Amino acid sequence: MTNKVITITRQYGSGGREIGQTLAEQLGIEFYDNKLLDVAAGDSGIHKSHFEENDEKRSNSFLYLLSTTYGQGGVPFDDALFFAQLNAIQKIASEHSCVIIGRCADYALRDFSGVVNIFISAPLEIRIKRAIEVYGIGEKHAADYVKRIDKQRTSYYNYYTDKRWGTPQNYHLCLDSSALGIDGSVVLLRQFLDDFYNR
């Protein structure tokens, strides 16, 4: 039987992680966000701190990219981290049903069956408010912080895949979480997934 795997790509502050975690709990399947980094670190032998420091972003320093390589093949370190995560994502999806947050999971699993790709967004002002109230980002810097994280995720995704981050054609469903809230979004996604897997 094919595993049911849901990937969630999300704008910062849209509540995508919370939606994914609640969805996984209700479906009784594994949830992978930071836990994915543990798998990638364990399998690759690269310390987890490197994955955390470079999570869903690439270095903008050309000199850094030239000077940091990994392994005998001299692979740029950023690329080594990406491929370690790609391998971890594919391993996880092969082993069991799960929800995977970000990290180009939709691209990593493009040849897998039973995968549903979801993009979660929200208006900028809603995301800034959430960043302040839920994530504890300082009000003075919240707007710039939200925009910067989205820019990093966009750059990371666009560099490592042949797709464009946030383009509707990449996903089975695009959802504005502000329309229904976290709980309402989970209800909608559960109905969508029931219909998708039982069609």
C-alpha atoms as a PDB file:
ATOM      1  CA  MET A   1       0.000   0.000   0.000  1.00  0.00           C
ATOM      2  CA  THR A   2       1.322   3.461  -0.952  1.00  0.00           C
ATOM      3  CA  ASN A   3       2.135   5.756   1.946  1.00  0.00           C
ATOM      4  CA  LYS A   4       0.124   8.933   2.281  1.00  0.00           C
ATOM      5  CA  VAL A   5       2.535  11.843   2.334  1.00  0.00           C
ATOM      6  CA  ILE A   6       1.512  15.485   2.645  1.00  0.00           C
ATOM      7  CA  THR A   7       4.062  18.211   1.940  1.00  0.00           C
ATOM      8  CA  ILE A   8       3.369  21.720   3.165  1.00  0.00           C
ATOM      9  CA  THR A   9       5.133  24.736   1.725  1.00  0.00           C
ATOM     10  CA  ARG A  10       4.274  27.873   3.669  1.00  0.00           C
ATOM     11  CA  GLN A  11       4.779  31.591   3.866  1.00  0.00           C
ATOM     12  CA  TYR A  12       6.324  32.669   7.152  1.00  0.00           C
ATOM     13  CA  GLY A  13       3.637  33.538   9.680  1.00  0.00           C
ATOM     14  CA  SER A  14       0.842  31.787   7.780  1.00  0.00           C
ATOM     15  CA  GLY A  15       0.512  29.095  10.445  1.00  0.00           C
ATOM     16  CA  GLY A  16       1.594  26.378   8.035  1.00  0.00           C
ATOM     17  CA  ARG A  17       3.640  24.519  10.626  1.00  0.00           C
ATOM     18  CA  GLU A  18       0.800  24.548  13.162  1.00  0.00           C
ATOM     19  CA  ILE A  19      -1.661  23.392  10.521  1.00  0.00           C
ATOM     20  CA  GLY A  20       0.664  20.584   9.468  1.00  0.00           C
ATOM     21  CA  GLN A  21       1.293  19.443  13.019  1.00  0.00           C
ATOM     22  CA  THR A  22      -2.410  19.431  13.913  1.00  0.00           C
ATOM     23  CA  LEU A  23      -3.211  17.610  10.670  1.00  0.00           C
ATOM     24  CA  ALA A  24      -0.610  14.925  11.393  1.00  0.00           C
ATOM     25  CA  GLU A  25      -1.915  14.457  14.946  1.00  0.00           C
ATOM     26  CA  GLN A  26      -5.505  14.067  13.755  1.00  0.00           C
ATOM     27  CA  LEU A  27      -4.517  11.662  10.988  1.00  0.00           C
ATOM     28  CA  GLY A  28      -2.300   9.656  13.335  1.00  0.00           C
ATOM     29  CA  ILE A  29       0.790   9.965  11.136  1.00  0.00           C
ATOM     30  CA  GLU A  30       4.336  11.228  11.659  1.00  0.00           C
ATOM     31  CA  PHE A  31       5.160  14.939  11.534  1.00  0.00           C
ATOM     32  CA  TYR A  32       8.493  16.176  10.179  1.00  0.00           C
ATOM     33  CA  ASP A  33       9.762  19.688  10.571  1.00  0.00           C
ATOM     34  CA  ASN A  34      12.933  20.000  12.672  1.00  0.00           C
ATOM     35  CA  LYS A  35      12.748  16.233  13.175  1.00  0.00           C
ATOM     36  CA  LEU A  36      13.714  15.921   9.515  1.00  0.00           C
ATOM     37  CA  LEU A  37      17.046  17.536  10.330  1.00  0.00           C
ATOM     38  CA  ASP A  38      17.738  14.760  12.856  1.00  0.00           C
ATOM     39  CA  VAL A  39      17.256  12.140  10.144  1.00  0.00           C
ATOM     40  CA  ALA A  40      19.412  14.035   7.635  1.00  0.00           C
ATOM     41  CA  ALA A  41      22.171  14.539  10.210  1.00  0.00           C
ATOM     42  CA  GLY A  42      22.086  10.918  11.340  1.00  0.00           C
ATOM     43  CA  ASP A  43      22.258   9.504   7.834  1.00  0.00           C
ATOM     44  CA  SER A  44      24.830  11.934   6.424  1.00  0.00           C
ATOM     45  CA  GLY A  45      27.167  12.246   9.383  1.00  0.00           C
ATOM     46  CA  ILE A  46      26.965  16.047   9.146  1.00  0.00           C
ATOM     47  CA  HIS A  47      26.327  17.670  12.523  1.00  0.00           C
ATOM     48  CA  LYS A  48      22.740  18.825  13.026  1.00  0.00           C
ATOM     49  CA  SER A  49      23.868  22.361  13.869  1.00  0.00           C
ATOM     50  CA  HIS A  50      24.925  22.853  10.242  1.00  0.00           C
ATOM     51  CA  PHE A  51      21.421  21.980   9.045  1.00  0.00           C
ATOM     52  CA  GLU A  52      19.891  24.334  11.607  1.00  0.00           C
ATOM     53  CA  GLU A  53      22.171  27.232  10.672  1.00  0.00           C
ATOM     54  CA  ASN A  54      21.443  26.841   6.955  1.00  0.00           C
ATOM     55  CA  ASP A  55      17.806  25.748   7.175  1.00  0.00           C
ATOM     56  CA  GLU A  56      15.969  26.604   3.927  1.00  0.00           C
ATOM     57  CA  LYS A  57      18.518  29.208   2.918  1.00  0.00           C
ATOM     58  CA  ARG A  58      21.758  29.420   0.988  1.00  0.00           C
ATOM     59  CA  SER A  59      24.779  31.558   1.709  1.00  0.00           C
ATOM     60  CA  ASN A  60      24.889  34.715  -0.411  1.00  0.00           C
ATOM     61  CA  SER A  61      28.653  34.916  -0.107  1.00  0.00           C
ATOM     62  CA  PHE A  62      30.437  33.853  -3.290  1.00  0.00           C
ATOM     63  CA  LEU A  63      33.704  33.493  -1.354  1.00  0.00           C
ATOM     64  CA  TYR A  64      31.933  31.262   1.198  1.00  0.00           C
ATOM     65  CA  LEU A  65      30.613  29.021  -1.561  1.00  0.00           C
ATOM     66  CA  LEU A  66      34.080  28.764  -3.120  1.00  0.00           C
ATOM     67  CA  SER A  67      35.835  28.000   0.159  1.00  0.00           C
ATOM     68  CA  THR A  68      33.468  25.491   1.754  1.00  0.00           C
ATOM     69  CA  THR A  69      33.231  22.022   0.286  1.00  0.00           C
ATOM     70  CA  TYR A  70      32.226  18.654   1.649  1.00  0.00           C
ATOM     71  CA  GLY A  71      33.569  15.180   0.990  1.00  0.00           C
ATOM     72  CA  GLN A  72      36.130  13.900  -1.461  1.00  0.00           C
ATOM     73  CA  GLY A  73      34.183  15.173  -4.446  1.00  0.00           C
ATOM     74  CA  GLY A  74      34.479  18.759  -3.276  1.00  0.00           C
ATOM     75  CA  VAL A  75      30.714  19.369  -3.276  1.00  0.00           C
ATOM     76  CA  PRO A  76      29.781  22.866  -2.030  1.00  0.00           C
ATOM     77  CA  PHE A  77      28.693  22.507   1.586  1.00  0.00           C
ATOM     78  CA  ASP A  78      25.281  24.104   0.980  1.00  0.00           C
ATOM     79  CA  ASP A  79      24.640  21.537  -1.739  1.00  0.00           C
ATOM     80  CA  ALA A  80      25.743  18.677   0.513  1.00  0.00           C
ATOM     81  CA  LEU A  81      23.211  19.824   3.118  1.00  0.00           C
ATOM     82  CA  PHE A  82      20.450  20.044   0.514  1.00  0.00           C
ATOM     83  CA  PHE A  83      21.078  16.567  -0.885  1.00  0.00           C
ATOM     84  CA  ALA A  84      21.294  15.082   2.601  1.00  0.00           C
ATOM     85  CA  GLN A  85      17.848  16.499   3.324  1.00  0.00           C
ATOM     86  CA  LEU A  86      16.517  15.331  -0.053  1.00  0.00           C
ATOM     87  CA  ASN A  87      17.693  11.799   0.706  1.00  0.00           C
ATOM     88  CA  ALA A  88      16.156  11.962   4.176  1.00  0.00           C
ATOM     89  CA  ILE A  89      12.819  13.130   2.761  1.00  0.00           C
ATOM     90  CA  GLN A  90      12.751  10.290   0.240  1.00  0.00           C
ATOM     91  CA  LYS A  91      13.695   7.761   2.915  1.00  0.00           C
ATOM     92  CA  ILE A  92      10.966   8.986   5.273  1.00  0.00           C
ATOM     93  CA  ALA A  93       8.291   8.974   2.560  1.00  0.00           C
ATOM     94  CA  SER A  94       9.276   5.421   1.603  1.00  0.00           C
ATOM     95  CA  GLU A  95       8.922   4.197   5.171  1.00  0.00           C
ATOM     96  CA  HIS A  96       5.625   5.627   6.386  1.00  0.00           C
ATOM     97  CA  SER A  97       2.782   8.103   5.958  1.00  0.00           C
ATOM     98  CA  CYS A  98       3.639  11.582   7.199  1.00  0.00           C
ATOM     99  CA  VAL A  99       3.388  15.349   6.938  1.00  0.00           C
ATOM    100  CA  ILE A 100       6.600  17.109   5.879  1.00  0.00           C
ATOM    101  CA  ILE A 101       7.099  20.852   6.285  1.00  0.00           C
ATOM    102  CA  GLY A 102       9.076  22.851   3.707  1.00  0.00           C
ATOM    103  CA  ARG A 103      12.603  21.993   2.549  1.00  0.00           C
ATOM    104  CA  CYS A 104      11.591  21.395  -1.091  1.00  0.00           C
ATOM    105  CA  ALA A 105       9.773  18.202  -0.073  1.00  0.00           C
ATOM    106  CA  ASP A 106       7.326  18.512  -2.968  1.00  0.00           C
ATOM    107  CA  TYR A 107      10.284  18.526  -5.364  1.00  0.00           C
ATOM    108  CA  ALA A 108      12.121  15.733  -3.554  1.00  0.00           C
ATOM    109  CA  LEU A 109       9.018  13.520  -3.867  1.00  0.00           C
ATOM    110  CA  ARG A 110       8.026  14.526  -7.402  1.00  0.00           C
ATOM    111  CA  ASP A 111       8.318  10.930  -8.640  1.00  0.00           C
ATOM    112  CA  PHE A 112       6.545   9.373  -5.633  1.00  0.00           C
ATOM    113  CA  SER A 113       2.902   8.321  -5.719  1.00  0.00           C
ATOM    114  CA  GLY A 114       0.491   9.140  -2.908  1.00  0.00           C
ATOM    115  CA  VAL A 115       1.968  12.605  -2.309  1.00  0.00           C
ATOM    116  CA  VAL A 116      -0.228  15.680  -1.840  1.00  0.00           C
ATOM    117  CA  ASN A 117       1.477  19.065  -2.107  1.00  0.00           C
ATOM    118  CA  ILE A 118      -0.073  22.036  -0.285  1.00  0.00           C
ATOM    119  CA  PHE A 119       0.873  25.712  -0.223  1.00  0.00           C
ATOM    120  CA  ILE A 120      -0.299  27.810   2.712  1.00  0.00           C
ATOM    121  CA  SER A 121      -0.322  31.596   2.562  1.00  0.00           C
ATOM    122  CA  ALA A 122      -1.914  34.547   4.334  1.00  0.00           C
ATOM    123  CA  PRO A 123      -2.007  38.338   3.812  1.00  0.00           C
ATOM    124  CA  LEU A 124       1.187  40.083   4.895  1.00  0.00           C
ATOM    125  CA  GLU A 125      -0.446  42.060   7.696  1.00  0.00           C
ATOM    126  CA  ILE A 126      -1.869  38.850   9.189  1.00  0.00           C
ATOM    127  CA  ARG A 127       1.531  37.178   9.033  1.00  0.00           C
ATOM    128  CA  ILE A 128       3.275  40.121  10.658  1.00  0.00           C
ATOM    129  CA  LYS A 129       0.703  40.097  13.463  1.00  0.00           C
ATOM    130  CA  ARG A 130       1.245  36.374  13.992  1.00  0.00           C
ATOM    131  CA  ALA A 131       5.017  36.797  13.979  1.00  0.00           C
ATOM    132  CA  ILE A 132       4.702  39.314  16.808  1.00  0.00           C
ATOM    133  CA  GLU A 133       2.010  37.621  18.888  1.00  0.00           C
ATOM    134  CA  VAL A 134       2.853  33.943  18.393  1.00  0.00           C
ATOM    135  CA  TYR A 135       6.539  33.802  17.461  1.00  0.00           C
ATOM    136  CA  GLY A 136       7.715  36.669  19.635  1.00  0.00           C
ATOM    137  CA  ILE A 137       9.320  38.749  16.900  1.00  0.00           C
ATOM    138  CA  GLY A 138       9.820  42.377  17.956  1.00  0.00           C
ATOM    139  CA  GLU A 139       7.170  44.684  16.539  1.00  0.00           C
ATOM    140  CA  LYS A 140       9.737  47.136  15.150  1.00  0.00           C
ATOM    141  CA  HIS A 141      11.430  44.477  13.032  1.00  0.00           C
ATOM    142  CA  ALA A 142       8.571  42.063  12.352  1.00  0.00           C
ATOM    143  CA  ALA A 143       7.654  43.253   8.851  1.00  0.00           C
ATOM    144  CA  ASP A 144      11.239  43.086   7.604  1.00  0.00           C
ATOM    145  CA  TYR A 145      11.767  39.724   9.300  1.00  0.00           C
ATOM    146  CA  VAL A 146       8.694  38.136   7.678  1.00  0.00           C
ATOM    147  CA  LYS A 147       9.720  39.406   4.243  1.00  0.00           C
ATOM    148  CA  ARG A 148      13.313  38.238   4.719  1.00  0.00           C
ATOM    149  CA  ILE A 149      12.352  34.688   5.672  1.00  0.00           C
ATOM    150  CA  ASP A 150      10.048  34.402   2.665  1.00  0.00           C
ATOM    151  CA  LYS A 151      12.809  35.742   0.426  1.00  0.00           C
ATOM    152  CA  GLN A 152      15.239  33.143   1.792  1.00  0.00           C
ATOM    153  CA  ARG A 153      12.756  30.322   1.251  1.00  0.00           C
ATOM    154  CA  THR A 154      11.998  31.541  -2.266  1.00  0.00           C
ATOM    155  CA  SER A 155      15.666  31.773  -3.190  1.00  0.00           C
ATOM    156  CA  TYR A 156      16.416  28.345  -1.716  1.00  0.00           C
ATOM    157  CA  TYR A 157      13.529  26.639  -3.499  1.00  0.00           C
ATOM    158  CA  ASN A 158      14.109  28.332  -6.841  1.00  0.00           C
ATOM    159  CA  TYR A 159      17.830  27.507  -6.781  1.00  0.00           C
ATOM    160  CA  TYR A 160      17.480  23.815  -6.007  1.00  0.00           C
ATOM    161  CA  THR A 161      14.416  22.934  -8.072  1.00  0.00           C
ATOM    162  CA  ASP A 162      13.190  23.477 -11.611  1.00  0.00           C
ATOM    163  CA  LYS A 163      10.091  25.205 -10.228  1.00  0.00           C
ATOM    164  CA  ARG A 164       9.145  28.572  -8.743  1.00  0.00           C
ATOM    165  CA  TRP A 165       8.249  28.823  -5.052  1.00  0.00           C
ATOM    166  CA  GLY A 166       4.562  29.569  -4.505  1.00  0.00           C
ATOM    167  CA  THR A 167       3.469  28.988  -8.109  1.00  0.00           C
ATOM    168  CA  PRO A 168      -0.025  27.407  -7.926  1.00  0.00           C
ATOM    169  CA  GLN A 169       0.787  24.772 -10.568  1.00  0.00           C
ATOM    170  CA  ASN A 170       3.280  23.182  -8.162  1.00  0.00           C
ATOM    171  CA  TYR A 171       0.603  22.234  -5.637  1.00  0.00           C
ATOM    172  CA  HIS A 172      -2.608  20.256  -5.408  1.00  0.00           C
ATOM    173  CA  LEU A 173      -4.112  22.895  -3.134  1.00  0.00           C
ATOM    174  CA  CYS A 174      -3.268  26.510  -2.256  1.00  0.00           C
ATOM    175  CA  LEU A 175      -4.882  27.765   0.936  1.00  0.00           C
ATOM    176  CA  ASP A 176      -5.161  31.206   2.544  1.00  0.00           C
ATOM    177  CA  SER A 177      -5.117  30.237   6.212  1.00  0.00           C
ATOM    178  CA  SER A 178      -6.616  33.568   7.286  1.00  0.00           C
ATOM    179  CA  ALA A 179      -9.926  32.660   5.628  1.00  0.00           C
ATOM    180  CA  LEU A 180     -10.718  29.794   8.004  1.00  0.00           C
ATOM    181  CA  GLY A 181      -8.092  30.039  10.743  1.00  0.00           C
ATOM    182  CA  ILE A 182      -5.839  27.201  11.870  1.00  0.00           C
ATOM    183  CA  ASP A 183      -8.580  24.791  12.961  1.00  0.00           C
ATOM    184  CA  GLY A 184     -10.817  25.554   9.995  1.00  0.00           C
ATOM    185  CA  SER A 185      -7.917  25.051   7.615  1.00  0.00           C
ATOM    186  CA  VAL A 186      -7.246  21.632   9.132  1.00  0.00           C
ATOM    187  CA  VAL A 187     -10.910  20.663   8.678  1.00  0.00           C
ATOM    188  CA  LEU A 188     -10.795  21.715   5.025  1.00  0.00           C
ATOM    189  CA  LEU A 189      -7.537  19.840   4.422  1.00  0.00           C
ATOM    190  CA  ARG A 190      -8.853  16.674   6.015  1.00  0.00           C
ATOM    191  CA  GLN A 191     -11.866  16.741   3.703  1.00  0.00           C
ATOM    192  CA  PHE A 192      -9.637  17.390   0.703  1.00  0.00           C
ATOM    193  CA  LEU A 193      -7.309  14.540   1.640  1.00  0.00           C
ATOM    194  CA  ASP A 194     -10.213  12.146   2.190  1.00  0.00           C
ATOM    195  CA  ASP A 195     -11.524  12.970  -1.268  1.00  0.00           C
ATOM    196  CA  PHE A 196      -8.053  12.813  -2.834  1.00  0.00           C
ATOM    197  CA  TYR A 197      -7.093   9.422  -1.439  1.00  0.00           C
ATOM    198  CA  ASN A 198     -10.516   7.840  -1.972  1.00  0.00           C
ATOM    199  CA  ARG A 199     -11.127   9.054  -5.513  1.00  0.00           C
END
